N, C-alpha and C. Protein backbone atom coordinates (compact mmCIF):
# COMPACT_ATOMS: atom_id res chain seq x y z
N MET A 1 113.99 96.64 102.16
CA MET A 1 113.05 97.98 102.39
C MET A 1 112.58 98.27 100.54
N ILE A 2 113.84 97.91 100.51
CA ILE A 2 113.70 98.38 98.92
C ILE A 2 113.03 97.38 97.62
N TYR A 3 113.73 96.12 98.25
CA TYR A 3 112.31 94.92 96.68
C TYR A 3 110.77 95.40 97.69
N GLU A 4 110.95 95.47 98.91
CA GLU A 4 109.13 95.01 99.60
C GLU A 4 108.37 96.24 98.35
N ALA A 5 109.21 97.57 98.82
CA ALA A 5 108.62 99.12 97.76
C ALA A 5 107.97 98.61 96.01
N LEU A 6 109.16 98.40 96.08
CA LEU A 6 108.99 97.89 94.45
C LEU A 6 108.16 96.10 94.35
N ASN A 7 108.19 95.75 94.71
CA ASN A 7 107.62 94.26 94.99
C ASN A 7 106.51 94.71 94.79
N PHE A 8 106.05 95.18 95.73
CA PHE A 8 104.42 96.06 95.84
C PHE A 8 103.98 96.50 95.15
N LEU A 9 104.01 97.76 94.10
CA LEU A 9 104.05 98.32 92.79
C LEU A 9 103.65 97.60 91.58
N LYS A 10 105.03 96.08 91.64
CA LYS A 10 104.82 95.40 90.93
C LYS A 10 103.46 94.33 90.87
N GLN A 11 103.27 94.31 92.35
CA GLN A 11 102.04 93.74 92.57
C GLN A 11 100.61 94.47 91.84
N ASN A 12 100.69 95.46 92.11
CA ASN A 12 99.13 96.04 92.23
C ASN A 12 98.89 96.16 90.48
N ILE A 13 100.35 96.54 89.86
CA ILE A 13 100.30 96.84 89.04
C ILE A 13 99.27 95.51 88.20
N ASP A 14 100.39 94.48 88.56
CA ASP A 14 100.01 93.42 87.61
C ASP A 14 98.94 93.08 87.87
N GLY A 15 97.88 93.24 89.05
CA GLY A 15 96.38 93.42 89.80
C GLY A 15 95.27 93.99 88.14
N TYR A 16 95.81 95.39 87.99
CA TYR A 16 95.28 96.37 87.71
C TYR A 16 95.42 95.72 86.41
N ILE A 17 96.57 95.02 85.45
CA ILE A 17 96.65 95.30 84.40
C ILE A 17 95.51 93.50 83.48
N ASN A 18 95.94 92.27 84.47
CA ASN A 18 95.36 91.34 84.67
C ASN A 18 94.02 91.38 84.89
N LYS A 19 93.49 92.42 85.55
CA LYS A 19 91.64 92.80 85.85
C LYS A 19 90.65 92.37 84.38
N GLY A 20 89.85 91.98 84.96
CA GLY A 20 89.15 90.80 83.49
C GLY A 20 89.17 90.26 83.24
N ARG A 21 90.66 89.14 83.28
CA ARG A 21 91.23 88.25 82.51
C ARG A 21 91.30 87.32 83.23
N THR A 22 90.95 85.94 81.57
CA THR A 22 90.78 84.39 82.59
C THR A 22 91.66 84.12 83.12
N ALA A 23 92.73 83.79 82.16
CA ALA A 23 93.67 83.51 82.74
C ALA A 23 94.75 84.36 83.26
N ALA A 24 94.44 84.75 84.44
CA ALA A 24 95.85 85.99 85.14
C ALA A 24 97.30 85.54 85.47
N GLU A 25 98.05 85.26 83.96
CA GLU A 25 99.44 84.77 84.81
C GLU A 25 100.02 86.24 84.86
N PRO A 26 101.21 86.42 86.03
CA PRO A 26 102.03 87.47 85.56
C PRO A 26 102.65 88.10 84.21
N VAL A 27 102.07 89.60 84.24
CA VAL A 27 101.42 90.60 83.25
C VAL A 27 103.23 91.35 83.41
N MET A 28 103.72 91.81 84.54
CA MET A 28 104.92 92.55 85.21
C MET A 28 105.54 91.32 85.58
N VAL A 29 107.13 91.82 85.66
CA VAL A 29 108.49 91.37 86.08
C VAL A 29 109.20 92.37 86.99
N LEU A 30 110.35 91.95 87.76
CA LEU A 30 111.00 92.81 88.47
C LEU A 30 112.53 91.79 88.20
N SER A 31 112.55 93.37 87.03
CA SER A 31 113.90 92.35 85.70
C SER A 31 114.13 93.53 85.38
N ASN A 32 115.24 93.16 84.61
CA ASN A 32 116.45 94.33 83.63
C ASN A 32 114.56 94.41 82.95
N PRO A 33 115.60 95.11 81.71
CA PRO A 33 114.74 95.11 80.45
C PRO A 33 115.31 94.17 79.42
N TRP A 34 114.04 93.89 78.76
CA TRP A 34 114.50 92.54 78.03
C TRP A 34 115.80 93.38 77.16
N SER A 35 116.73 91.90 76.88
CA SER A 35 117.47 92.33 75.89
C SER A 35 118.32 91.28 75.03
N ASN A 36 118.67 91.12 73.96
CA ASN A 36 119.08 90.50 72.70
C ASN A 36 119.88 88.94 73.69
N ASN A 37 120.43 90.05 74.53
CA ASN A 37 120.84 88.75 75.44
C ASN A 37 119.99 87.68 76.62
N ASP A 38 119.14 87.66 76.31
CA ASP A 38 118.07 87.54 77.55
C ASP A 38 118.04 86.10 77.07
N ASN A 39 118.13 84.91 78.64
CA ASN A 39 117.95 83.33 78.30
C ASN A 39 116.75 83.33 78.06
N SER A 40 115.79 83.99 78.12
CA SER A 40 114.04 83.41 78.32
C SER A 40 113.26 84.52 77.01
N LYS A 41 114.06 83.97 76.02
CA LYS A 41 113.55 84.69 75.01
C LYS A 41 112.41 83.57 74.11
N ASN A 42 111.92 82.93 74.89
CA ASN A 42 110.63 81.71 74.68
C ASN A 42 109.65 82.18 74.82
N PHE A 43 110.03 83.55 75.40
CA PHE A 43 108.48 84.43 76.21
C PHE A 43 108.16 85.47 75.16
N SER A 44 106.90 85.67 74.80
CA SER A 44 106.40 86.79 73.63
C SER A 44 105.98 88.09 74.03
N PHE A 45 107.07 88.06 75.82
CA PHE A 45 106.69 89.45 76.10
C PHE A 45 107.30 89.58 77.24
N LEU A 46 108.13 90.45 78.25
CA LEU A 46 109.08 90.85 79.15
C LEU A 46 107.95 91.93 79.53
N ASN A 47 107.32 92.84 80.68
CA ASN A 47 106.98 93.99 80.75
C ASN A 47 108.22 94.01 81.85
N SER A 48 108.61 94.59 82.55
CA SER A 48 110.10 94.70 83.61
C SER A 48 109.69 96.24 84.44
N LEU A 49 110.27 96.07 85.55
CA LEU A 49 109.89 96.90 86.49
C LEU A 49 111.34 96.68 86.78
N SER A 50 111.76 98.24 86.79
CA SER A 50 113.35 97.92 87.26
C SER A 50 114.54 99.56 87.70
N LEU A 51 114.87 99.44 88.54
CA LEU A 51 115.26 99.91 89.75
C LEU A 51 117.39 100.78 88.42
N ILE A 52 116.67 102.24 88.39
CA ILE A 52 117.34 103.00 87.85
C ILE A 52 118.89 103.88 88.37
N ASN A 53 118.31 104.35 89.48
CA ASN A 53 118.61 104.91 90.00
C ASN A 53 117.99 104.86 91.59
N ILE A 54 119.07 105.22 92.65
CA ILE A 54 118.63 105.55 93.61
C ILE A 54 118.90 107.41 94.48
N GLU A 55 117.74 107.96 95.07
CA GLU A 55 118.96 108.61 95.21
C GLU A 55 119.01 109.12 96.59
N GLU A 56 119.64 109.90 97.65
CA GLU A 56 119.19 110.34 99.39
C GLU A 56 118.20 112.07 99.33
N GLU A 57 116.81 111.77 99.88
CA GLU A 57 116.07 113.06 99.85
C GLU A 57 116.71 113.39 100.93
N ARG A 58 117.41 114.44 100.32
CA ARG A 58 118.52 115.31 101.09
C ARG A 58 116.87 116.51 101.85
N THR A 59 115.48 117.46 100.89
CA THR A 59 115.31 118.34 101.57
C THR A 59 114.24 117.58 103.05
N PHE A 60 114.34 117.28 102.46
CA PHE A 60 113.42 116.12 104.42
C PHE A 60 114.36 115.43 105.26
N LYS A 61 115.63 115.56 105.31
CA LYS A 61 116.99 114.82 105.91
C LYS A 61 116.96 114.61 107.64
N THR A 62 116.47 113.72 108.22
CA THR A 62 116.67 114.36 109.57
C THR A 62 117.90 114.72 110.43
N GLN A 63 118.05 115.71 110.97
CA GLN A 63 119.59 116.03 111.76
C GLN A 63 119.83 115.47 112.99
N GLY A 64 121.17 115.28 112.77
CA GLY A 64 121.57 114.26 114.37
C GLY A 64 120.78 113.68 114.28
N TYR A 65 120.94 113.40 115.70
CA TYR A 65 120.57 111.99 116.64
C TYR A 65 118.62 112.44 117.06
N GLN A 66 118.16 110.93 117.22
CA GLN A 66 117.01 110.99 118.07
C GLN A 66 117.29 110.57 118.89
N TYR A 67 116.36 111.52 120.45
CA TYR A 67 116.48 110.46 121.41
C TYR A 67 114.75 109.99 121.88
N ILE A 68 115.22 108.68 122.51
CA ILE A 68 113.84 107.88 122.59
C ILE A 68 113.75 107.99 123.86
N PRO A 69 113.02 108.02 124.50
CA PRO A 69 112.85 107.71 126.09
C PRO A 69 112.86 106.22 126.24
N ASN A 70 113.24 105.33 127.27
CA ASN A 70 113.23 104.38 127.62
C ASN A 70 112.98 103.94 129.35
N GLY A 71 112.23 103.98 129.76
CA GLY A 71 111.72 104.36 131.07
C GLY A 71 112.98 104.82 131.58
N LYS A 72 113.69 104.45 132.68
CA LYS A 72 114.21 104.40 134.05
C LYS A 72 115.66 104.31 133.86
N GLU A 73 115.93 103.62 132.84
CA GLU A 73 117.58 103.71 131.92
C GLU A 73 117.48 104.87 131.22
N GLY A 74 116.96 105.56 130.92
CA GLY A 74 117.60 107.06 129.67
C GLY A 74 116.71 106.95 128.91
N VAL A 75 117.67 107.35 128.50
CA VAL A 75 116.98 107.46 126.73
C VAL A 75 117.67 106.97 125.59
N ILE A 76 117.36 106.69 124.53
CA ILE A 76 117.73 105.57 123.33
C ILE A 76 118.45 106.45 122.23
N ARG A 77 119.60 106.76 121.88
CA ARG A 77 120.04 107.77 120.59
C ARG A 77 120.23 107.09 120.07
N LYS A 78 119.47 107.24 118.90
CA LYS A 78 119.06 106.84 117.44
C LYS A 78 119.53 107.35 116.26
N GLU A 79 120.52 106.58 115.27
CA GLU A 79 120.89 107.22 114.30
C GLU A 79 119.62 107.83 113.80
N PRO A 80 119.80 108.41 113.04
CA PRO A 80 118.50 109.53 111.76
C PRO A 80 117.67 108.24 111.20
N ASP A 81 116.99 108.17 110.82
CA ASP A 81 116.29 107.40 109.00
C ASP A 81 117.65 108.04 107.70
N ILE A 82 117.57 107.61 106.58
CA ILE A 82 117.66 108.00 105.99
C ILE A 82 116.00 107.93 104.97
N LYS A 83 115.96 108.61 103.85
CA LYS A 83 114.29 108.93 103.32
C LYS A 83 115.54 108.40 102.11
N LEU A 84 115.00 107.76 101.26
CA LEU A 84 115.56 107.93 99.59
C LEU A 84 114.42 107.88 98.67
N ASN A 85 114.79 108.16 97.46
CA ASN A 85 114.11 108.41 96.46
C ASN A 85 114.17 107.06 95.43
N LEU A 86 113.61 106.60 94.73
CA LEU A 86 113.77 105.68 94.00
C LEU A 86 113.54 105.71 91.97
N TYR A 87 114.58 105.67 91.46
CA TYR A 87 114.02 106.05 89.74
C TYR A 87 113.29 104.68 89.57
N VAL A 88 112.49 104.33 88.56
CA VAL A 88 111.74 102.81 88.28
C VAL A 88 111.59 103.00 86.99
N LEU A 89 111.99 102.34 86.69
CA LEU A 89 111.83 102.25 84.73
C LEU A 89 111.15 101.12 84.27
N PHE A 90 109.69 101.85 83.50
CA PHE A 90 109.08 100.17 83.79
C PHE A 90 108.64 100.27 81.79
N SER A 91 109.29 98.89 81.26
CA SER A 91 109.51 98.68 79.55
C SER A 91 109.05 97.39 79.30
N ALA A 92 108.21 98.13 77.87
CA ALA A 92 107.21 96.76 78.20
C ALA A 92 107.93 96.14 76.41
N TYR A 93 108.29 95.01 76.85
CA TYR A 93 108.42 93.89 75.43
C TYR A 93 108.06 93.13 74.95
N ASN A 94 107.42 93.43 73.62
CA ASN A 94 106.41 92.28 72.76
C ASN A 94 106.41 92.36 71.68
N LYS A 95 106.16 91.13 71.29
CA LYS A 95 106.29 90.96 70.14
C LYS A 95 105.35 91.85 68.96
N ASN A 96 104.15 92.13 69.58
CA ASN A 96 103.01 93.17 68.88
C ASN A 96 103.46 94.06 69.35
N TYR A 97 104.23 95.19 69.01
CA TYR A 97 104.32 96.43 69.60
C TYR A 97 103.32 97.00 70.18
N GLU A 98 101.67 97.02 69.16
CA GLU A 98 100.61 97.57 69.80
C GLU A 98 100.47 96.92 71.35
N ASP A 99 100.48 95.76 71.62
CA ASP A 99 100.40 95.88 72.92
C ASP A 99 101.66 96.71 73.75
N ALA A 100 102.98 96.44 73.64
CA ALA A 100 104.10 97.30 73.86
C ALA A 100 103.47 98.38 74.51
N LEU A 101 102.68 98.92 73.69
CA LEU A 101 101.90 100.76 74.01
C LEU A 101 101.07 100.44 75.11
N LYS A 102 100.16 99.55 74.49
CA LYS A 102 99.15 99.21 75.34
C LYS A 102 99.23 99.33 77.00
N ILE A 103 100.15 98.03 77.40
CA ILE A 103 100.43 97.95 78.78
C ILE A 103 101.63 99.41 79.23
N THR A 104 102.25 100.23 78.48
CA THR A 104 102.82 101.40 78.63
C THR A 104 101.50 102.18 78.88
N SER A 105 100.87 102.15 78.55
CA SER A 105 99.51 102.86 78.84
C SER A 105 98.99 102.86 80.43
N LYS A 106 99.02 101.66 80.43
CA LYS A 106 97.43 101.03 81.59
C LYS A 106 98.66 101.73 82.64
N VAL A 107 100.28 101.41 82.72
CA VAL A 107 101.06 101.56 83.74
C VAL A 107 100.36 103.01 83.92
N VAL A 108 100.90 104.01 83.23
CA VAL A 108 100.57 105.80 83.33
C VAL A 108 99.25 105.96 84.08
N ALA A 109 98.14 105.18 83.96
CA ALA A 109 96.92 105.31 83.93
C ALA A 109 96.93 105.00 85.51
N TYR A 110 97.51 103.92 85.62
CA TYR A 110 97.56 103.07 87.15
C TYR A 110 97.83 104.29 88.25
N PHE A 111 99.50 104.03 87.66
CA PHE A 111 99.73 105.85 88.39
C PHE A 111 98.73 106.79 88.48
N GLN A 112 98.55 107.20 87.20
CA GLN A 112 97.00 108.10 87.86
C GLN A 112 96.59 107.98 88.47
N MET A 113 95.64 106.75 88.63
CA MET A 113 94.93 107.21 89.61
C MET A 113 95.34 106.84 91.15
N HIS A 114 96.70 106.30 91.13
CA HIS A 114 97.42 106.01 92.67
C HIS A 114 98.97 106.87 92.36
N PRO A 115 98.36 108.29 93.05
CA PRO A 115 99.54 108.74 93.03
C PRO A 115 100.35 109.08 94.58
N VAL A 116 99.22 108.12 95.28
CA VAL A 116 100.04 108.17 96.74
C VAL A 116 99.57 106.92 97.49
N PHE A 117 100.85 106.47 97.90
CA PHE A 117 100.21 104.87 98.49
C PHE A 117 100.61 104.89 100.02
N GLN A 118 99.44 105.29 100.90
CA GLN A 118 99.25 104.86 102.17
C GLN A 118 98.92 104.67 102.83
N LYS A 119 99.38 103.77 104.37
CA LYS A 119 98.81 103.07 105.33
C LYS A 119 97.53 102.98 105.67
N GLY A 120 96.65 102.18 105.04
CA GLY A 120 95.01 102.15 105.62
C GLY A 120 94.22 102.70 104.78
N ASN A 121 94.82 103.38 103.55
CA ASN A 121 94.30 104.01 102.18
C ASN A 121 94.00 102.93 100.97
N SER A 122 94.57 101.49 100.79
CA SER A 122 94.69 100.12 100.04
C SER A 122 92.70 100.39 99.89
N MET A 123 92.87 100.54 98.59
CA MET A 123 91.18 100.07 97.75
C MET A 123 91.44 98.35 97.93
N LYS A 124 89.97 98.58 97.80
CA LYS A 124 89.00 96.80 97.63
C LYS A 124 90.31 95.82 96.24
N GLY A 125 90.91 94.46 97.32
CA GLY A 125 91.19 93.75 95.79
C GLY A 125 93.18 94.79 95.61
N GLU A 126 92.98 95.59 96.76
CA GLU A 126 94.58 96.21 96.07
C GLU A 126 95.61 95.56 96.91
N ILE A 127 96.91 95.43 96.75
CA ILE A 127 97.73 94.74 98.17
C ILE A 127 98.13 95.41 99.18
N VAL A 128 98.06 95.57 100.43
CA VAL A 128 98.12 96.52 101.13
C VAL A 128 100.23 97.09 101.43
N LEU A 129 100.62 98.15 101.65
CA LEU A 129 102.15 98.09 101.81
C LEU A 129 102.29 97.32 102.97
N PRO A 130 103.62 96.74 102.79
CA PRO A 130 104.16 96.20 103.12
C PRO A 130 104.99 96.61 104.86
N ASP A 131 104.74 95.89 106.34
CA ASP A 131 105.10 96.13 107.41
C ASP A 131 107.11 97.19 107.19
N GLY A 132 106.77 98.33 107.78
CA GLY A 132 108.08 98.99 107.10
C GLY A 132 107.15 100.64 106.34
N ILE A 133 106.54 100.31 105.17
CA ILE A 133 106.77 101.70 104.29
C ILE A 133 105.34 102.31 105.22
N ASP A 134 104.81 103.49 105.63
CA ASP A 134 103.78 103.98 105.39
C ASP A 134 103.59 104.61 104.26
N LYS A 135 104.14 105.31 103.45
CA LYS A 135 103.80 105.84 102.64
C LYS A 135 104.65 106.44 101.44
N LEU A 136 104.85 106.05 99.90
CA LEU A 136 105.07 106.47 98.72
C LEU A 136 104.52 107.67 98.06
N ILE A 137 105.38 107.99 97.36
CA ILE A 137 104.87 109.46 96.72
C ILE A 137 104.78 108.40 94.91
N VAL A 138 104.23 108.78 94.08
CA VAL A 138 105.17 107.94 92.43
C VAL A 138 104.62 109.47 91.48
N GLU A 139 105.87 109.81 91.46
CA GLU A 139 105.61 111.08 90.19
C GLU A 139 105.95 110.58 88.72
N LEU A 140 105.53 110.75 87.71
CA LEU A 140 106.20 110.58 86.49
C LEU A 140 107.32 111.65 86.28
N TYR A 141 108.59 110.64 85.75
CA TYR A 141 109.95 111.28 85.89
C TYR A 141 110.02 111.71 84.15
N SER A 142 110.10 112.94 83.59
CA SER A 142 110.17 113.27 81.96
C SER A 142 112.13 112.96 81.70
N ALA A 143 112.58 112.06 81.01
CA ALA A 143 114.02 112.38 80.87
C ALA A 143 113.98 113.07 79.61
N SER A 144 114.48 113.52 79.33
CA SER A 144 115.61 113.69 78.67
C SER A 144 115.86 113.04 77.25
N PHE A 145 116.26 113.49 76.11
CA PHE A 145 116.85 112.88 75.13
C PHE A 145 117.91 111.80 75.00
N GLU A 146 119.48 112.52 75.73
CA GLU A 146 120.26 112.86 76.14
C GLU A 146 120.22 111.44 76.93
N GLN A 147 119.69 111.79 77.83
CA GLN A 147 119.59 110.96 79.25
C GLN A 147 118.40 109.78 78.99
N GLN A 148 117.29 109.60 78.32
CA GLN A 148 117.32 108.00 77.37
C GLN A 148 118.39 107.55 77.21
N ASN A 149 118.90 108.09 76.37
CA ASN A 149 120.14 107.26 75.43
C ASN A 149 120.97 107.04 76.09
N GLN A 150 121.41 107.51 77.11
CA GLN A 150 122.69 107.17 78.41
C GLN A 150 122.35 105.66 78.94
N ILE A 151 120.67 105.55 79.63
CA ILE A 151 119.86 105.35 80.24
C ILE A 151 120.19 103.75 79.41
N TRP A 152 119.84 103.38 78.23
CA TRP A 152 119.83 102.68 77.67
C TRP A 152 120.72 101.54 77.00
N ALA A 153 121.74 103.34 76.67
CA ALA A 153 123.46 102.65 76.33
C ALA A 153 124.12 101.64 77.78
N SER A 154 123.65 102.17 78.43
CA SER A 154 123.80 101.91 80.18
C SER A 154 123.57 100.25 80.22
N LEU A 155 122.15 100.12 79.91
CA LEU A 155 121.48 98.91 79.63
C LEU A 155 121.92 98.26 78.76
N SER A 156 123.22 98.57 77.69
CA SER A 156 122.88 97.48 77.15
C SER A 156 121.31 96.69 75.86
N THR A 157 120.36 97.61 75.61
CA THR A 157 119.44 97.46 74.94
C THR A 157 118.89 98.20 74.28
N GLY A 158 118.31 98.30 73.45
CA GLY A 158 117.84 99.22 72.16
C GLY A 158 116.94 99.25 73.43
N TYR A 159 116.00 100.84 72.80
CA TYR A 159 115.01 101.58 73.41
C TYR A 159 113.77 100.38 73.64
N LEU A 160 113.44 100.47 74.53
CA LEU A 160 111.67 99.45 74.30
C LEU A 160 110.15 100.58 74.69
N PRO A 161 108.98 101.19 73.76
CA PRO A 161 108.42 101.07 74.79
C PRO A 161 108.60 101.60 76.33
N SER A 162 108.37 103.15 77.23
CA SER A 162 108.60 103.12 78.96
C SER A 162 108.23 103.77 79.46
N VAL A 163 108.28 104.23 80.40
CA VAL A 163 107.94 105.21 81.52
C VAL A 163 109.12 105.04 83.10
N ILE A 164 109.12 106.56 82.89
CA ILE A 164 109.96 106.30 83.83
C ILE A 164 109.37 107.14 85.67
N TYR A 165 109.73 106.61 86.79
CA TYR A 165 107.97 107.02 87.76
C TYR A 165 109.90 107.20 88.74
N LYS A 166 109.96 107.95 89.75
CA LYS A 166 110.20 109.02 90.86
C LYS A 166 109.63 108.15 92.26
N ILE A 167 110.06 107.47 92.61
CA ILE A 167 108.80 106.81 93.90
C ILE A 167 109.67 107.28 95.14
N ARG A 168 108.84 108.59 95.90
CA ARG A 168 109.65 109.30 97.11
C ARG A 168 109.10 109.08 98.25
N MET A 169 109.98 109.14 99.16
CA MET A 169 110.44 108.47 100.52
C MET A 169 109.88 107.46 101.29
N LEU A 170 110.60 106.31 100.19
CA LEU A 170 111.29 105.38 100.88
C LEU A 170 112.26 105.32 101.90
N VAL A 171 111.24 105.37 103.83
CA VAL A 171 112.51 105.22 104.93
C VAL A 171 112.92 103.92 104.84
N ILE A 172 114.11 104.42 105.23
CA ILE A 172 115.25 103.65 105.86
C ILE A 172 115.59 103.99 107.22
N ASP A 173 115.44 103.14 108.13
CA ASP A 173 115.15 102.87 109.55
C ASP A 173 115.41 101.78 110.26
N ALA A 174 116.50 101.40 109.60
CA ALA A 174 116.84 100.24 110.55
C ALA A 174 117.23 100.10 112.29
N GLU A 175 116.47 98.72 113.01
CA GLU A 175 116.73 99.26 114.46
C GLU A 175 117.68 98.24 114.62
N SER A 176 118.55 97.86 115.42
CA SER A 176 118.60 96.50 116.11
C SER A 176 119.12 97.33 117.85
N ASN A 177 118.78 95.65 118.06
CA ASN A 177 118.14 96.25 119.48
C ASN A 177 120.18 96.21 120.64
N GLU A 178 120.66 95.41 119.82
CA GLU A 178 122.54 94.96 119.87
C GLU A 178 123.53 96.55 119.71
N ASP A 179 122.60 97.18 118.47
CA ASP A 179 123.29 99.05 118.21
C ASP A 179 122.26 100.32 119.22
N LYS A 180 122.46 99.61 119.86
CA LYS A 180 121.45 100.74 120.57
C LYS A 180 121.88 101.65 121.40
N THR A 181 122.34 102.55 121.75
CA THR A 181 123.39 103.55 122.70
C THR A 181 121.88 103.76 123.98
N ILE A 182 122.22 103.30 125.06
CA ILE A 182 121.26 104.41 126.06
C ILE A 182 122.16 105.09 126.99
N VAL A 183 121.79 106.78 126.93
CA VAL A 183 122.58 107.39 127.10
C VAL A 183 121.62 108.08 128.53
N PRO A 184 122.17 107.39 130.21
CA PRO A 184 121.56 108.10 131.07
C PRO A 184 121.24 109.49 130.99
N THR A 185 119.53 109.17 132.04
CA THR A 185 119.34 110.49 132.28
C THR A 185 119.42 111.25 132.98
N ILE A 186 119.65 112.46 133.78
CA ILE A 186 120.17 113.13 135.02
C ILE A 186 118.99 112.96 135.96
N GLN A 187 118.57 112.25 136.70
CA GLN A 187 118.09 112.06 137.63
C GLN A 187 117.69 112.78 139.12
N LYS A 188 119.10 113.76 139.48
CA LYS A 188 119.16 114.72 140.22
C LYS A 188 120.65 115.67 140.39
N ILE A 189 119.86 117.18 140.70
CA ILE A 189 121.34 118.26 140.53
C ILE A 189 121.53 118.47 141.34
N ASN A 190 122.51 118.05 142.27
CA ASN A 190 122.89 119.27 143.62
C ASN A 190 123.80 121.08 143.28
N ILE A 191 123.23 121.67 143.16
CA ILE A 191 124.59 122.72 143.52
C ILE A 191 124.11 123.36 144.75
N ASP A 192 125.29 123.88 144.12
CA ASP A 192 125.81 124.67 146.20
C ASP A 192 126.09 126.12 145.72
N LEU A 193 125.25 127.16 146.16
CA LEU A 193 125.24 128.18 146.26
C LEU A 193 126.00 129.12 146.98
N LYS A 194 127.63 130.18 146.57
CA LYS A 194 128.79 130.06 147.35
C LYS A 194 128.05 131.95 147.50
N VAL A 195 128.01 132.67 148.89
CA VAL A 195 126.79 133.52 148.29
C VAL A 195 128.54 134.71 149.39
N GLU A 196 129.30 135.02 148.11
CA GLU A 196 130.25 135.97 149.17
C GLU A 196 129.59 137.64 149.52
N LYS A 197 130.45 138.12 151.13
CA LYS A 197 129.59 139.16 151.57
C LYS A 197 131.01 140.37 150.56
């Protein structure tokens, strides 16, 4: 689901940036930010979308098992789903620094217009949410200078024009028929009452 969510965002942002261009080649890629060690130095630009952190959303955490009716057999005991928040870095490398700033501005503009993605809510020309994803909430994340320094140091590259977004509420709910635990339902209860005099 993580790849599907990030690829969905990449395709929509790419479509937005390429709108009106005649030779529409991919502008945004799922990749690490540009570095001096990168093998793709022949590119004049590399605008990337990079996953830099994953955290569990504990506020809306489902507690305990879920029980789903399964006809006469009983109920299926299912592990609770996991809700994730993804921290995504959008960075822009261009030989022309002004172009890098323009790309970064377009990313911010796109998410200002589309802060929530929901099933059945896509606009004309947009890619729809992949199966298994019902909703994504996008929030601008403002990192401190110290946090930015740590992020770029861990990525082993110098700072590039960039912006970080927190993608909220990606639900991971893997369902396997082999792992289902069927709990039989109670069909009949016999109670014998003894009244003592």
